């Protein structure tokens, strides 16, 4: 490696590596065999990211929306209530009496199972529960979509951030980053947090760096 990439902190270059290389080296695809809810084995592939790779990310990850859990629950309630309304609340109700010459097909008679009064309370309200849960599910889906669109709009300048990010050099010995021959930037060693602030500010989402602080995995601080 050229001496021009020597760390300005320790003056050595044997443990200096380009930031993109360090970032990619800390992101591995791990494949495992797991059982689903039905007990069947399936192959699942997940991306495992090291703390250092996460700290050097040129763009923040998409935020996790806890509201999505509400949408999942309301969707479950919607389906469960609808099935209960159709097969329990409405399926046992007998239709109008049809004469033999009416030409229409009569609905099946479930009187052998008893009348709805004998079987329990009226479950007609489940139709309203299903409709309400469906409305909540649709609202949650709309809100999640809106938030994702807003996040994509906020990080639309990631190309500029990645251009600066790609010119950073990380010293594994010092745990700092420095730039080489970048206009407007000196060679002073930067903490991971300061490096994140510079890169994310270049992309136009620098305010997120104050919320999602970069933590040095070797030192446990930003």
Protein backbone atom coordinates (compact mmCIF):
# COMPACT_ATOMS: atom_id res chain seq x y z
CA UNK A 1 0.00 0.00 0.00
CA UNK A 2 1.23 3.45 -0.81
CA UNK A 3 2.61 5.54 2.03
CA UNK A 4 0.20 8.30 1.02
CA UNK A 5 -2.49 6.20 2.75
CA UNK A 6 -0.64 6.03 6.04
CA UNK A 7 -2.81 6.81 9.05
CA UNK A 8 -2.23 10.40 10.21
CA UNK A 9 -2.70 9.20 13.79
CA UNK A 10 -0.13 6.39 14.09
CA UNK A 11 1.85 7.06 10.92
CA UNK A 12 1.56 3.42 9.81
CA UNK A 13 -0.15 1.99 6.74
CA UNK A 14 -0.07 -1.76 7.39
CA UNK A 15 -3.56 -1.78 8.91
CA UNK A 16 -5.16 0.94 6.80
CA UNK A 17 -8.01 -0.16 4.53
CA UNK A 18 -10.47 1.62 2.26
CA UNK A 19 -13.79 2.32 3.97
CA UNK A 20 -15.92 0.56 1.28
CA UNK A 21 -13.81 -2.59 1.70
CA UNK A 22 -14.24 -2.56 5.48
CA UNK A 23 -17.96 -1.95 5.12
CA UNK A 24 -18.51 -4.81 2.67
CA UNK A 25 -16.28 -7.21 4.61
CA UNK A 26 -18.60 -6.85 7.61
CA UNK A 27 -21.74 -7.81 5.73
CA UNK A 28 -22.18 -11.55 5.27
CA UNK A 29 -25.12 -13.56 3.97
CA UNK A 30 -25.80 -16.40 6.40
CA UNK A 31 -28.01 -19.30 5.30
CA UNK A 32 -29.69 -21.58 7.82
CA UNK A 33 -32.44 -24.19 7.99
CA UNK A 34 -35.40 -23.26 10.17
CA UNK A 35 -38.88 -24.57 10.81
CA UNK A 36 -41.91 -22.47 9.96
CA UNK A 37 -45.18 -22.34 11.89
CA UNK A 38 -46.33 -25.58 10.28
CA UNK A 39 -43.18 -27.38 11.39
CA UNK A 40 -41.76 -27.65 7.86
CA UNK A 41 -38.08 -26.99 7.26
CA UNK A 42 -37.19 -24.03 5.07
CA UNK A 43 -33.99 -22.29 4.00
CA UNK A 44 -33.61 -18.75 5.33
CA UNK A 45 -30.90 -16.30 4.26
CA UNK A 46 -30.12 -13.31 6.45
CA UNK A 47 -27.54 -10.54 6.24
CA UNK A 48 -25.34 -10.38 9.34
CA UNK A 49 -23.69 -7.01 9.83
CA UNK A 50 -20.78 -6.33 12.17
CA UNK A 51 -20.78 -3.30 14.44
CA UNK A 52 -17.92 -1.71 12.50
CA UNK A 53 -19.67 -2.16 9.16
CA UNK A 54 -22.82 -0.62 10.60
CA UNK A 55 -20.84 2.35 11.96
CA UNK A 56 -19.34 2.98 8.51
CA UNK A 57 -22.65 2.81 6.61
CA UNK A 58 -22.95 5.63 4.04
CA UNK A 59 -26.70 5.85 4.49
CA UNK A 60 -28.97 5.02 7.43
CA UNK A 61 -31.01 1.88 7.24
CA UNK A 62 -34.72 2.24 6.69
CA UNK A 63 -36.43 2.76 10.05
CA UNK A 64 -38.40 -0.09 11.55
CA UNK A 65 -42.03 0.89 12.06
CA UNK A 66 -43.60 -0.53 15.20
CA UNK A 67 -46.93 0.46 13.73
CA UNK A 68 -46.50 -2.46 11.33
CA UNK A 69 -47.23 -4.82 14.22
CA UNK A 70 -50.57 -3.08 14.70
CA UNK A 71 -51.34 -3.65 11.03
CA UNK A 72 -50.48 -7.34 11.34
CA UNK A 73 -52.72 -7.77 14.39
CA UNK A 74 -55.61 -5.87 12.85
CA UNK A 75 -55.30 -7.94 9.68
CA UNK A 76 -55.48 -11.12 11.73
CA UNK A 77 -58.54 -9.85 13.61
CA UNK A 78 -60.14 -8.87 10.30
CA UNK A 79 -59.78 -12.36 8.82
CA UNK A 80 -60.73 -14.18 12.03
CA UNK A 81 -63.82 -12.05 12.62
CA UNK A 82 -64.91 -12.39 8.98
CA UNK A 83 -64.63 -16.17 9.07
CA UNK A 84 -66.52 -16.30 12.36
CA UNK A 85 -69.26 -14.10 10.94
CA UNK A 86 -69.63 -16.16 7.75
CA UNK A 87 -69.30 -19.71 9.03
CA UNK A 88 -70.70 -19.36 12.54
CA UNK A 89 -72.82 -16.26 12.71
CA UNK A 90 -74.39 -16.43 9.24
CA UNK A 91 -73.89 -19.97 7.98
CA UNK A 92 -76.46 -21.51 10.32
CA UNK A 93 -79.23 -19.09 9.49
CA UNK A 94 -81.85 -20.78 7.34
CA UNK A 95 -83.05 -18.97 4.24
CA UNK A 96 -86.67 -18.33 3.19
CA UNK A 97 -88.95 -21.28 2.56
CA UNK A 98 -88.97 -22.20 -1.12
CA UNK A 99 -91.80 -24.17 -2.65
CA UNK A 100 -91.20 -27.22 -4.80
CA UNK A 101 -92.22 -25.35 -7.96
CA UNK A 102 -90.22 -22.19 -7.38
CA UNK A 103 -87.39 -23.30 -9.64
CA UNK A 104 -84.76 -22.02 -7.18
CA UNK A 105 -82.23 -24.04 -5.33
CA UNK A 106 -82.94 -24.02 -1.62
CA UNK A 107 -80.17 -23.29 0.84
CA UNK A 108 -78.94 -26.21 2.95
CA UNK A 109 -80.81 -26.82 6.15
CA UNK A 110 -78.60 -26.89 9.23
CA UNK A 111 -81.48 -27.25 11.67
CA UNK A 112 -80.07 -30.53 12.85
CA UNK A 113 -77.35 -28.58 14.62
CA UNK A 114 -79.83 -26.40 16.47
CA UNK A 115 -80.87 -22.80 16.06
CA UNK A 116 -78.48 -19.89 16.56
CA UNK A 117 -80.23 -19.17 19.86
CA UNK A 118 -79.45 -22.69 21.03
CA UNK A 119 -75.84 -22.47 19.95
CA UNK A 120 -74.96 -19.19 21.63
CA UNK A 121 -75.25 -15.42 21.30
CA UNK A 122 -75.82 -13.67 18.01
CA UNK A 123 -72.48 -13.22 16.20
CA UNK A 124 -73.68 -10.71 13.66
CA UNK A 125 -71.49 -8.05 15.30
CA UNK A 126 -68.42 -9.87 13.97
CA UNK A 127 -69.14 -8.38 10.56
CA UNK A 128 -68.66 -4.90 12.02
CA UNK A 129 -65.55 -6.01 13.88
CA UNK A 130 -64.10 -7.36 10.63
CA UNK A 131 -64.92 -4.15 8.78
CA UNK A 132 -63.35 -2.01 11.52
CA UNK A 133 -60.21 -4.15 11.59
CA UNK A 134 -59.96 -3.91 7.81
CA UNK A 135 -60.14 -0.13 8.01
CA UNK A 136 -57.35 -0.08 10.62
CA UNK A 137 -55.21 -2.38 8.46
CA UNK A 138 -55.61 -0.15 5.43
CA UNK A 139 -54.75 2.94 7.45
CA UNK A 140 -51.61 1.27 8.81
CA UNK A 141 -50.52 0.20 5.34
CA UNK A 142 -51.04 3.74 4.08
CA UNK A 143 -49.02 5.20 6.98
CA UNK A 144 -46.13 2.73 6.52
CA UNK A 145 -46.06 3.53 2.80
CA UNK A 146 -46.07 7.26 3.55
CA UNK A 147 -43.17 6.93 6.00
CA UNK A 148 -41.11 4.87 3.58
CA UNK A 149 -41.70 7.40 0.83
CA UNK A 150 -40.66 10.23 3.16
CA UNK A 151 -37.48 8.35 4.12
CA UNK A 152 -36.61 7.69 0.47
CA UNK A 153 -37.12 11.39 -0.27
CA UNK A 154 -34.91 12.38 2.68
CA UNK A 155 -32.05 10.13 1.55
CA UNK A 156 -32.28 10.94 -2.17
CA UNK A 157 -28.82 12.56 -1.97
CA UNK A 158 -27.08 9.34 -0.98
CA UNK A 159 -25.08 9.43 -4.23
CA UNK A 160 -23.19 12.51 -3.05
CA UNK A 161 -22.66 10.92 0.36
CA UNK A 162 -21.29 7.72 -1.17
CA UNK A 163 -18.88 9.72 -3.33
CA UNK A 164 -17.27 11.24 -0.23
CA UNK A 165 -17.61 8.00 1.76
CA UNK A 166 -15.72 6.01 -0.87
CA UNK A 167 -12.66 8.23 -0.39
CA UNK A 168 -12.31 7.44 3.32
CA UNK A 169 -9.58 5.23 4.79
CA UNK A 170 -10.01 3.32 8.02
CA UNK A 171 -7.13 2.49 10.37
CA UNK A 172 -7.78 -0.75 12.25
CA UNK A 173 -5.05 0.14 14.73
CA UNK A 174 -6.42 3.55 15.73
CA UNK A 175 -10.10 3.00 14.95
CA UNK A 176 -10.27 6.28 13.03
CA UNK A 177 -11.02 7.38 9.48
CA UNK A 178 -9.21 9.94 7.35
CA UNK A 179 -9.54 11.31 3.84
CA UNK A 180 -6.88 11.46 1.13
CA UNK A 181 -6.76 14.23 -1.47
CA UNK A 182 -10.37 15.28 -0.98
CA UNK A 183 -11.03 18.97 -1.72
CA UNK A 184 -12.15 20.77 1.41
CA UNK A 185 -11.14 17.93 3.73
CA UNK A 186 -7.88 17.64 5.65
CA UNK A 187 -6.12 14.43 6.70
CA UNK A 188 -6.97 14.73 10.37
CA UNK A 189 -8.13 11.42 11.89
CA UNK A 190 -11.87 11.30 12.49
CA UNK A 191 -13.87 9.29 14.96
CA UNK A 192 -16.52 7.02 13.46
CA UNK A 193 -19.22 9.43 14.61
CA UNK A 194 -17.50 12.45 13.07
CA UNK A 195 -16.96 10.55 9.84
CA UNK A 196 -20.65 9.61 9.77
CA UNK A 197 -21.65 13.23 10.32
CA UNK A 198 -19.51 14.44 7.40
CA UNK A 199 -20.75 11.76 5.03
CA UNK A 200 -24.41 12.02 5.95
CA UNK A 201 -24.30 15.83 5.82
CA UNK A 202 -22.98 15.50 2.28
CA UNK A 203 -26.05 13.47 1.41
CA UNK A 204 -28.45 15.95 2.97
CA UNK A 205 -29.53 13.81 5.92
CA UNK A 206 -26.94 14.88 8.47
CA UNK A 207 -29.57 15.46 11.14
CA UNK A 208 -30.06 11.70 11.35
CA UNK A 209 -26.45 11.28 12.49
CA UNK A 210 -27.32 12.93 15.79
CA UNK A 211 -30.08 10.37 16.36
CA UNK A 212 -28.36 7.28 14.98
CA UNK A 213 -24.92 7.66 16.43
CA UNK A 214 -22.02 5.52 15.24
CA UNK A 215 -20.62 3.36 18.01
CA UNK A 216 -17.03 2.13 17.85
CA UNK A 217 -17.35 -1.61 18.57
CA UNK A 218 -13.76 -1.76 19.88
CA UNK A 219 -14.22 1.07 22.35
CA UNK A 220 -17.95 1.00 23.05
CA UNK A 221 -18.44 4.71 22.44
CA UNK A 222 -19.13 7.06 19.54
